[in-house]
Amino acid sequence: PRLLSRKDALIQRTRTGVQLILGCVPLLVIAGLIEGFLSPSAAPWWIKATTGLVTGVLLYAYWLGAGRQAPAATVERNAP
């Protein structure tokens, strides 16, 4: 923040906050759909357990990969 004005620092942090909120919205929608329709249903236990495992794996994959950028490609130059 010392290198930026207050306005610029606020804008930068606001963008980060909005990205976090937008990243949480799909997770909350999916959780709501599961809790609203699958949990109270008469579906067999194995369907509920499989859904839990699959969504858990997808959630961890999302957490580990979200916001990460691929490393920049390096260009090797041939020395004469």
PDB file of N, CA and C in Angstrom:
ATOM      1  N   PRO A   1       0.805  -1.216   0.000  1.00  0.00           N
ATOM      2  CA  PRO A   1       0.000   0.000   0.000  1.00  0.00           C
ATOM      3  C   PRO A   1       0.840   1.269   0.000  1.00  0.00           C
ATOM      4  N   ARG A   2       2.052   1.208   0.471  1.00  0.00           N
ATOM      5  CA  ARG A   2       2.860   2.429   0.509  1.00  0.00           C
ATOM      6  C   ARG A   2       3.242   2.898  -0.883  1.00  0.00           C
ATOM      7  N   LEU A   3       3.314   1.990  -1.829  1.00  0.00           N
ATOM      8  CA  LEU A   3       3.672   2.368  -3.185  1.00  0.00           C
ATOM      9  C   LEU A   3       2.463   2.861  -3.970  1.00  0.00           C
ATOM     10  N   LEU A   4       1.267   2.586  -3.479  1.00  0.00           N
ATOM     11  CA  LEU A   4       0.042   2.975  -4.167  1.00  0.00           C
ATOM     12  C   LEU A   4      -0.691   4.049  -3.372  1.00  0.00           C
ATOM     13  N   SER A   5      -1.463   4.839  -4.088  1.00  0.00           N
ATOM     14  CA  SER A   5      -2.320   5.788  -3.386  1.00  0.00           C
ATOM     15  C   SER A   5      -3.446   5.008  -2.711  1.00  0.00           C
ATOM     16  N   ARG A   6      -4.150   5.638  -1.796  1.00  0.00           N
ATOM     17  CA  ARG A   6      -5.241   4.955  -1.108  1.00  0.00           C
ATOM     18  C   ARG A   6      -6.305   4.498  -2.091  1.00  0.00           C
ATOM     19  N   LYS A   7      -6.591   5.344  -3.058  1.00  0.00           N
ATOM     20  CA  LYS A   7      -7.603   5.010  -4.058  1.00  0.00           C
ATOM     21  C   LYS A   7      -7.180   3.778  -4.856  1.00  0.00           C
ATOM     22  N   ASP A   8      -5.941   3.763  -5.326  1.00  0.00           N
ATOM     23  CA  ASP A   8      -5.458   2.631  -6.118  1.00  0.00           C
ATOM     24  C   ASP A   8      -5.396   1.346  -5.290  1.00  0.00           C
ATOM     25  N   ALA A   9      -4.974   1.462  -4.028  1.00  0.00           N
ATOM     26  CA  ALA A   9      -4.927   0.292  -3.154  1.00  0.00           C
ATOM     27  C   ALA A   9      -6.334  -0.245  -2.900  1.00  0.00           C
ATOM     28  N   LEU A  10      -7.299   0.659  -2.708  1.00  0.00           N
ATOM     29  CA  LEU A  10      -8.683   0.245  -2.491  1.00  0.00           C
ATOM     30  C   LEU A  10      -9.240  -0.457  -3.720  1.00  0.00           C
ATOM     31  N   ILE A  11      -8.963   0.073  -4.889  1.00  0.00           N
ATOM     32  CA  ILE A  11      -9.433  -0.544  -6.131  1.00  0.00           C
ATOM     33  C   ILE A  11      -8.826  -1.933  -6.294  1.00  0.00           C
ATOM     34  N   GLN A  12      -7.541  -2.057  -6.017  1.00  0.00           N
ATOM     35  CA  GLN A  12      -6.865  -3.349  -6.156  1.00  0.00           C
ATOM     36  C   GLN A  12      -7.451  -4.383  -5.192  1.00  0.00           C
ATOM     37  N   ARG A  13      -7.653  -3.994  -3.952  1.00  0.00           N
ATOM     38  CA  ARG A  13      -8.199  -4.925  -2.955  1.00  0.00           C
ATOM     39  C   ARG A  13      -9.667  -5.247  -3.226  1.00  0.00           C
ATOM     40  N   THR A  14     -10.399  -4.298  -3.776  1.00  0.00           N
ATOM     41  CA  THR A  14     -11.795  -4.546  -4.119  1.00  0.00           C
ATOM     42  C   THR A  14     -11.890  -5.589  -5.220  1.00  0.00           C
ATOM     43  N   ARG A  15     -11.024  -5.507  -6.201  1.00  0.00           N
ATOM     44  CA  ARG A  15     -11.020  -6.509  -7.273  1.00  0.00           C
ATOM     45  C   ARG A  15     -10.747  -7.902  -6.713  1.00  0.00           C
ATOM     46  N   THR A  16      -9.807  -7.989  -5.794  1.00  0.00           N
ATOM     47  CA  THR A  16      -9.499  -9.275  -5.172  1.00  0.00           C
ATOM     48  C   THR A  16     -10.704  -9.800  -4.401  1.00  0.00           C
ATOM     49  N   GLY A  17     -11.364  -8.931  -3.662  1.00  0.00           N
ATOM     50  CA  GLY A  17     -12.542  -9.337  -2.897  1.00  0.00           C
ATOM     51  C   GLY A  17     -13.682  -9.803  -3.779  1.00  0.00           C
ATOM     52  N   VAL A  18     -13.907  -9.107  -4.880  1.00  0.00           N
ATOM     53  CA  VAL A  18     -14.971  -9.497  -5.806  1.00  0.00           C
ATOM     54  C   VAL A  18     -14.649 -10.855  -6.426  1.00  0.00           C
ATOM     55  N   GLN A  19     -13.399 -11.104  -6.752  1.00  0.00           N
ATOM     56  CA  GLN A  19     -13.015 -12.409  -7.301  1.00  0.00           C
ATOM     57  C   GLN A  19     -13.287 -13.525  -6.291  1.00  0.00           C
ATOM     58  N   LEU A  20     -13.007 -13.270  -5.020  1.00  0.00           N
ATOM     59  CA  LEU A  20     -13.275 -14.276  -3.994  1.00  0.00           C
ATOM     60  C   LEU A  20     -14.766 -14.556  -3.869  1.00  0.00           C
ATOM     61  N   ILE A  21     -15.562 -13.506  -3.887  1.00  0.00           N
ATOM     62  CA  ILE A  21     -17.013 -13.679  -3.782  1.00  0.00           C
ATOM     63  C   ILE A  21     -17.547 -14.449  -4.983  1.00  0.00           C
ATOM     64  N   LEU A  22     -17.111 -14.071  -6.178  1.00  0.00           N
ATOM     65  CA  LEU A  22     -17.581 -14.758  -7.381  1.00  0.00           C
ATOM     66  C   LEU A  22     -17.114 -16.213  -7.426  1.00  0.00           C
ATOM     67  N   GLY A  23     -15.990 -16.503  -6.806  1.00  0.00           N
ATOM     68  CA  GLY A  23     -15.525 -17.886  -6.734  1.00  0.00           C
ATOM     69  C   GLY A  23     -16.337 -18.725  -5.760  1.00  0.00           C
ATOM     70  N   CYS A  24     -16.936 -18.088  -4.757  1.00  0.00           N
ATOM     71  CA  CYS A  24     -17.739 -18.811  -3.764  1.00  0.00           C
ATOM     72  C   CYS A  24     -19.172 -19.050  -4.220  1.00  0.00           C
ATOM     73  N   VAL A  25     -19.688 -18.210  -5.092  1.00  0.00           N
ATOM     74  CA  VAL A  25     -21.089 -18.323  -5.510  1.00  0.00           C
ATOM     75  C   VAL A  25     -21.405 -19.695  -6.112  1.00  0.00           C
ATOM     76  N   PRO A  26     -20.620 -20.207  -7.068  1.00  0.00           N
ATOM     77  CA  PRO A  26     -20.952 -21.531  -7.612  1.00  0.00           C
ATOM     78  C   PRO A  26     -20.914 -22.637  -6.555  1.00  0.00           C
ATOM     79  N   LEU A  27     -19.994 -22.527  -5.606  1.00  0.00           N
ATOM     80  CA  LEU A  27     -19.906 -23.539  -4.556  1.00  0.00           C
ATOM     81  C   LEU A  27     -21.162 -23.541  -3.696  1.00  0.00           C
ATOM     82  N   LEU A  28     -21.652 -22.350  -3.358  1.00  0.00           N
ATOM     83  CA  LEU A  28     -22.861 -22.259  -2.546  1.00  0.00           C
ATOM     84  C   LEU A  28     -24.094 -22.737  -3.305  1.00  0.00           C
ATOM     85  N   VAL A  29     -24.157 -22.458  -4.593  1.00  0.00           N
ATOM     86  CA  VAL A  29     -25.291 -22.919  -5.404  1.00  0.00           C
ATOM     87  C   VAL A  29     -25.304 -24.447  -5.473  1.00  0.00           C
ATOM     88  N   ILE A  30     -24.156 -25.044  -5.723  1.00  0.00           N
ATOM     89  CA  ILE A  30     -24.077 -26.508  -5.800  1.00  0.00           C
ATOM     90  C   ILE A  30     -24.426 -27.137  -4.456  1.00  0.00           C
ATOM     91  N   ALA A  31     -23.892 -26.575  -3.373  1.00  0.00           N
ATOM     92  CA  ALA A  31     -24.202 -27.104  -2.045  1.00  0.00           C
ATOM     93  C   ALA A  31     -25.691 -26.979  -1.742  1.00  0.00           C
ATOM     94  N   GLY A  32     -26.296 -25.866  -2.135  1.00  0.00           N
ATOM     95  CA  GLY A  32     -27.724 -25.681  -1.912  1.00  0.00           C
ATOM     96  C   GLY A  32     -28.567 -26.671  -2.690  1.00  0.00           C
ATOM     97  N   LEU A  33     -28.177 -26.939  -3.921  1.00  0.00           N
ATOM     98  CA  LEU A  33     -28.916 -27.914  -4.727  1.00  0.00           C
ATOM     99  C   LEU A  33     -28.819 -29.320  -4.131  1.00  0.00           C
ATOM    100  N   ILE A  34     -27.630 -29.678  -3.680  1.00  0.00           N
ATOM    101  CA  ILE A  34     -27.457 -31.003  -3.077  1.00  0.00           C
ATOM    102  C   ILE A  34     -28.267 -31.111  -1.791  1.00  0.00           C
ATOM    103  N   GLU A  35     -28.164 -30.114  -0.929  1.00  0.00           N
ATOM    104  CA  GLU A  35     -28.882 -30.149   0.344  1.00  0.00           C
ATOM    105  C   GLU A  35     -30.386 -30.020   0.165  1.00  0.00           C
ATOM    106  N   GLY A  36     -30.806 -29.320  -0.871  1.00  0.00           N
ATOM    107  CA  GLY A  36     -32.231 -29.118  -1.080  1.00  0.00           C
ATOM    108  C   GLY A  36     -32.931 -30.283  -1.748  1.00  0.00           C
ATOM    109  N   PHE A  37     -32.233 -30.981  -2.628  1.00  0.00           N
ATOM    110  CA  PHE A  37     -32.882 -32.034  -3.403  1.00  0.00           C
ATOM    111  C   PHE A  37     -32.372 -33.439  -3.078  1.00  0.00           C
ATOM    112  N   LEU A  38     -31.077 -33.612  -2.941  1.00  0.00           N
ATOM    113  CA  LEU A  38     -30.543 -34.963  -2.762  1.00  0.00           C
ATOM    114  C   LEU A  38     -30.613 -35.429  -1.309  1.00  0.00           C
ATOM    115  N   SER A  39     -30.229 -34.584  -0.379  1.00  0.00           N
ATOM    116  CA  SER A  39     -30.190 -34.998   1.029  1.00  0.00           C
ATOM    117  C   SER A  39     -31.544 -35.470   1.560  1.00  0.00           C
ATOM    118  N   PRO A  40     -32.636 -34.737   1.325  1.00  0.00           N
ATOM    119  CA  PRO A  40     -33.921 -35.203   1.867  1.00  0.00           C
ATOM    120  C   PRO A  40     -34.606 -36.276   1.014  1.00  0.00           C
ATOM    121  N   SER A  41     -34.027 -36.627  -0.117  1.00  0.00           N
ATOM    122  CA  SER A  41     -34.678 -37.585  -1.016  1.00  0.00           C
ATOM    123  C   SER A  41     -34.554 -39.012  -0.484  1.00  0.00           C
ATOM    124  N   ALA A  42     -35.280 -39.895  -1.124  1.00  0.00           N
ATOM    125  CA  ALA A  42     -35.244 -41.311  -0.756  1.00  0.00           C
ATOM    126  C   ALA A  42     -34.212 -42.073  -1.592  1.00  0.00           C
ATOM    127  N   ALA A  43     -33.243 -41.367  -2.127  1.00  0.00           N
ATOM    128  CA  ALA A  43     -32.203 -42.008  -2.934  1.00  0.00           C
ATOM    129  C   ALA A  43     -31.411 -42.979  -2.062  1.00  0.00           C
ATOM    130  N   PRO A  44     -30.916 -44.053  -2.655  1.00  0.00           N
ATOM    131  CA  PRO A  44     -30.109 -45.013  -1.885  1.00  0.00           C
ATOM    132  C   PRO A  44     -28.855 -44.347  -1.305  1.00  0.00           C
ATOM    133  N   TRP A  45     -28.369 -44.936  -0.229  1.00  0.00           N
ATOM    134  CA  TRP A  45     -27.220 -44.358   0.465  1.00  0.00           C
ATOM    135  C   TRP A  45     -26.001 -44.281  -0.435  1.00  0.00           C
ATOM    136  N   TRP A  46     -25.844 -45.256  -1.333  1.00  0.00           N
ATOM    137  CA  TRP A  46     -24.645 -45.279  -2.168  1.00  0.00           C
ATOM    138  C   TRP A  46     -24.649 -44.138  -3.177  1.00  0.00           C
ATOM    139  N   ILE A  47     -25.811 -43.696  -3.612  1.00  0.00           N
ATOM    140  CA  ILE A  47     -25.867 -42.534  -4.510  1.00  0.00           C
ATOM    141  C   ILE A  47     -25.454 -41.277  -3.752  1.00  0.00           C
ATOM    142  N   LYS A  48     -25.948 -41.157  -2.529  1.00  0.00           N
ATOM    143  CA  LYS A  48     -25.590 -39.992  -1.711  1.00  0.00           C
ATOM    144  C   LYS A  48     -24.094 -39.999  -1.385  1.00  0.00           C
ATOM    145  N   ALA A  49     -23.559 -41.171  -1.053  1.00  0.00           N
ATOM    146  CA  ALA A  49     -22.136 -41.273  -0.728  1.00  0.00           C
ATOM    147  C   ALA A  49     -21.272 -40.988  -1.952  1.00  0.00           C
ATOM    148  N   THR A  50     -21.671 -41.516  -3.102  1.00  0.00           N
ATOM    149  CA  THR A  50     -20.917 -41.266  -4.334  1.00  0.00           C
ATOM    150  C   THR A  50     -20.944 -39.789  -4.694  1.00  0.00           C
ATOM    151  N   THR A  51     -22.103 -39.166  -4.545  1.00  0.00           N
ATOM    152  CA  THR A  51     -22.207 -37.730  -4.812  1.00  0.00           C
ATOM    153  C   THR A  51     -21.296 -36.944  -3.877  1.00  0.00           C
ATOM    154  N   GLY A  52     -21.262 -37.341  -2.615  1.00  0.00           N
ATOM    155  CA  GLY A  52     -20.387 -36.676  -1.655  1.00  0.00           C
ATOM    156  C   GLY A  52     -18.918 -36.823  -2.006  1.00  0.00           C
ATOM    157  N   LEU A  53     -18.520 -38.025  -2.389  1.00  0.00           N
ATOM    158  CA  LEU A  53     -17.119 -38.253  -2.758  1.00  0.00           C
ATOM    159  C   LEU A  53     -16.733 -37.484  -4.020  1.00  0.00           C
ATOM    160  N   VAL A  54     -17.600 -37.525  -5.024  1.00  0.00           N
ATOM    161  CA  VAL A  54     -17.297 -36.835  -6.286  1.00  0.00           C
ATOM    162  C   VAL A  54     -17.218 -35.330  -6.068  1.00  0.00           C
ATOM    163  N   THR A  55     -18.186 -34.771  -5.352  1.00  0.00           N
ATOM    164  CA  THR A  55     -18.146 -33.323  -5.118  1.00  0.00           C
ATOM    165  C   THR A  55     -16.967 -32.941  -4.226  1.00  0.00           C
ATOM    166  N   GLY A  56     -16.586 -33.828  -3.315  1.00  0.00           N
ATOM    167  CA  GLY A  56     -15.412 -33.555  -2.486  1.00  0.00           C
ATOM    168  C   GLY A  56     -14.132 -33.510  -3.298  1.00  0.00           C
ATOM    169  N   VAL A  57     -13.976 -34.461  -4.202  1.00  0.00           N
ATOM    170  CA  VAL A  57     -12.793 -34.480  -5.075  1.00  0.00           C
ATOM    171  C   VAL A  57     -12.771 -33.244  -5.969  1.00  0.00           C
ATOM    172  N   LEU A  58     -13.924 -32.903  -6.535  1.00  0.00           N
ATOM    173  CA  LEU A  58     -13.993 -31.709  -7.390  1.00  0.00           C
ATOM    174  C   LEU A  58     -13.710 -30.432  -6.600  1.00  0.00           C
ATOM    175  N   LEU A  59     -14.174 -30.389  -5.355  1.00  0.00           N
ATOM    176  CA  LEU A  59     -13.925 -29.215  -4.517  1.00  0.00           C
ATOM    177  C   LEU A  59     -12.435 -29.052  -4.238  1.00  0.00           C
ATOM    178  N   TYR A  60     -11.766 -30.137  -3.885  1.00  0.00           N
ATOM    179  CA  TYR A  60     -10.327 -30.049  -3.636  1.00  0.00           C
ATOM    180  C   TYR A  60      -9.556 -29.700  -4.902  1.00  0.00           C
ATOM    181  N   ALA A  61      -9.978 -30.225  -6.032  1.00  0.00           N
ATOM    182  CA  ALA A  61      -9.330 -29.866  -7.299  1.00  0.00           C
ATOM    183  C   ALA A  61      -9.519 -28.381  -7.584  1.00  0.00           C
ATOM    184  N   TYR A  62     -10.699 -27.864  -7.292  1.00  0.00           N
ATOM    185  CA  TYR A  62     -10.977 -26.440  -7.480  1.00  0.00           C
ATOM    186  C   TYR A  62     -10.100 -25.600  -6.559  1.00  0.00           C
ATOM    187  N   TRP A  63     -10.002 -26.007  -5.298  1.00  0.00           N
ATOM    188  CA  TRP A  63      -9.180 -25.254  -4.347  1.00  0.00           C
ATOM    189  C   TRP A  63      -7.707 -25.260  -4.739  1.00  0.00           C
ATOM    190  N   LEU A  64      -7.223 -26.386  -5.207  1.00  0.00           N
ATOM    191  CA  LEU A  64      -5.809 -26.475  -5.559  1.00  0.00           C
ATOM    192  C   LEU A  64      -5.482 -25.771  -6.869  1.00  0.00           C
ATOM    193  N   GLY A  65      -6.451 -25.660  -7.766  1.00  0.00           N
ATOM    194  CA  GLY A  65      -6.173 -25.097  -9.080  1.00  0.00           C
ATOM    195  C   GLY A  65      -6.725 -23.715  -9.332  1.00  0.00           C
ATOM    196  N   ALA A  66      -7.638 -23.249  -8.514  1.00  0.00           N
ATOM    197  CA  ALA A  66      -8.277 -21.957  -8.774  1.00  0.00           C
ATOM    198  C   ALA A  66      -7.292 -20.811  -8.571  1.00  0.00           C
ATOM    199  N   GLY A  67      -7.264 -19.917  -9.535  1.00  0.00           N
ATOM    200  CA  GLY A  67      -6.425 -18.738  -9.419  1.00  0.00           C
ATOM    201  C   GLY A  67      -4.965 -18.969  -9.742  1.00  0.00           C
ATOM    202  N   ARG A  68      -4.619 -20.157 -10.074  1.00  0.00           N
ATOM    203  CA  ARG A  68      -3.219 -20.443 -10.399  1.00  0.00           C
ATOM    204  C   ARG A  68      -2.984 -20.180 -11.875  1.00  0.00           C
ATOM    205  N   GLN A  69      -1.852 -19.639 -12.165  1.00  0.00           N
ATOM    206  CA  GLN A  69      -1.496 -19.386 -13.550  1.00  0.00           C
ATOM    207  C   GLN A  69      -0.413 -20.369 -13.968  1.00  0.00           C
ATOM    208  N   ALA A  70      -0.493 -20.774 -15.202  1.00  0.00           N
ATOM    209  CA  ALA A  70       0.526 -21.675 -15.730  1.00  0.00           C
ATOM    210  C   ALA A  70       1.857 -20.932 -15.781  1.00  0.00           C
ATOM    211  N   PRO A  71       2.955 -21.624 -15.511  1.00  0.00           N
ATOM    212  CA  PRO A  71       4.254 -20.957 -15.588  1.00  0.00           C
ATOM    213  C   PRO A  71       4.527 -20.474 -17.009  1.00  0.00           C
ATOM    214  N   ALA A  72       5.180 -19.354 -17.086  1.00  0.00           N
ATOM    215  CA  ALA A  72       5.500 -18.785 -18.398  1.00  0.00           C
ATOM    216  C   ALA A  72       6.473 -19.699 -19.132  1.00  0.00           C
ATOM    217  N   ALA A  73       6.271 -19.803 -20.414  1.00  0.00           N
ATOM    218  CA  ALA A  73       7.165 -20.630 -21.227  1.00  0.00           C
ATOM    219  C   ALA A  73       8.532 -19.953 -21.299  1.00  0.00           C
ATOM    220  N   THR A  74       9.553 -20.751 -21.151  1.00  0.00           N
ATOM    221  CA  THR A  74      10.902 -20.202 -21.227  1.00  0.00           C
ATOM    222  C   THR A  74      11.451 -20.403 -22.627  1.00  0.00           C
ATOM    223  N   VAL A  75      12.168 -19.424 -23.069  1.00  0.00           N
ATOM    224  CA  VAL A  75      12.782 -19.490 -24.393  1.00  0.00           C
ATOM    225  C   VAL A  75      14.270 -19.715 -24.192  1.00  0.00           C
ATOM    226  N   GLU A  76      14.761 -20.804 -24.753  1.00  0.00           N
ATOM    227  CA  GLU A  76      16.187 -21.084 -24.641  1.00  0.00           C
ATOM    228  C   GLU A  76      16.886 -20.563 -25.888  1.00  0.00           C
ATOM    229  N   ARG A  77      17.953 -19.879 -25.651  1.00  0.00           N
ATOM    230  CA  ARG A  77      18.733 -19.350 -26.775  1.00  0.00           C
ATOM    231  C   ARG A  77      20.000 -20.181 -26.917  1.00  0.00           C
ATOM    232  N   ASN A  78      20.303 -20.472 -28.133  1.00  0.00           N
ATOM    233  CA  ASN A  78      21.526 -21.234 -28.396  1.00  0.00           C
ATOM    234  C   ASN A  78      22.722 -20.297 -28.327  1.00  0.00           C
ATOM    235  N   ALA A  79      23.670 -20.675 -27.513  1.00  0.00           N
ATOM    236  CA  ALA A  79      24.886 -19.871 -27.400  1.00  0.00           C
ATOM    237  C   ALA A  79      25.767 -20.137 -28.615  1.00  0.00           C
ATOM    238  N   PRO A  80      26.415 -19.102 -29.150  1.00  0.00           N
ATOM    239  CA  PRO A  80      27.273 -19.323 -30.336  1.00  0.00           C
ATOM    240  C   PRO A  80      28.491 -20.151 -30.028  1.00  0.00           C
TER     241      PRO A  80
END
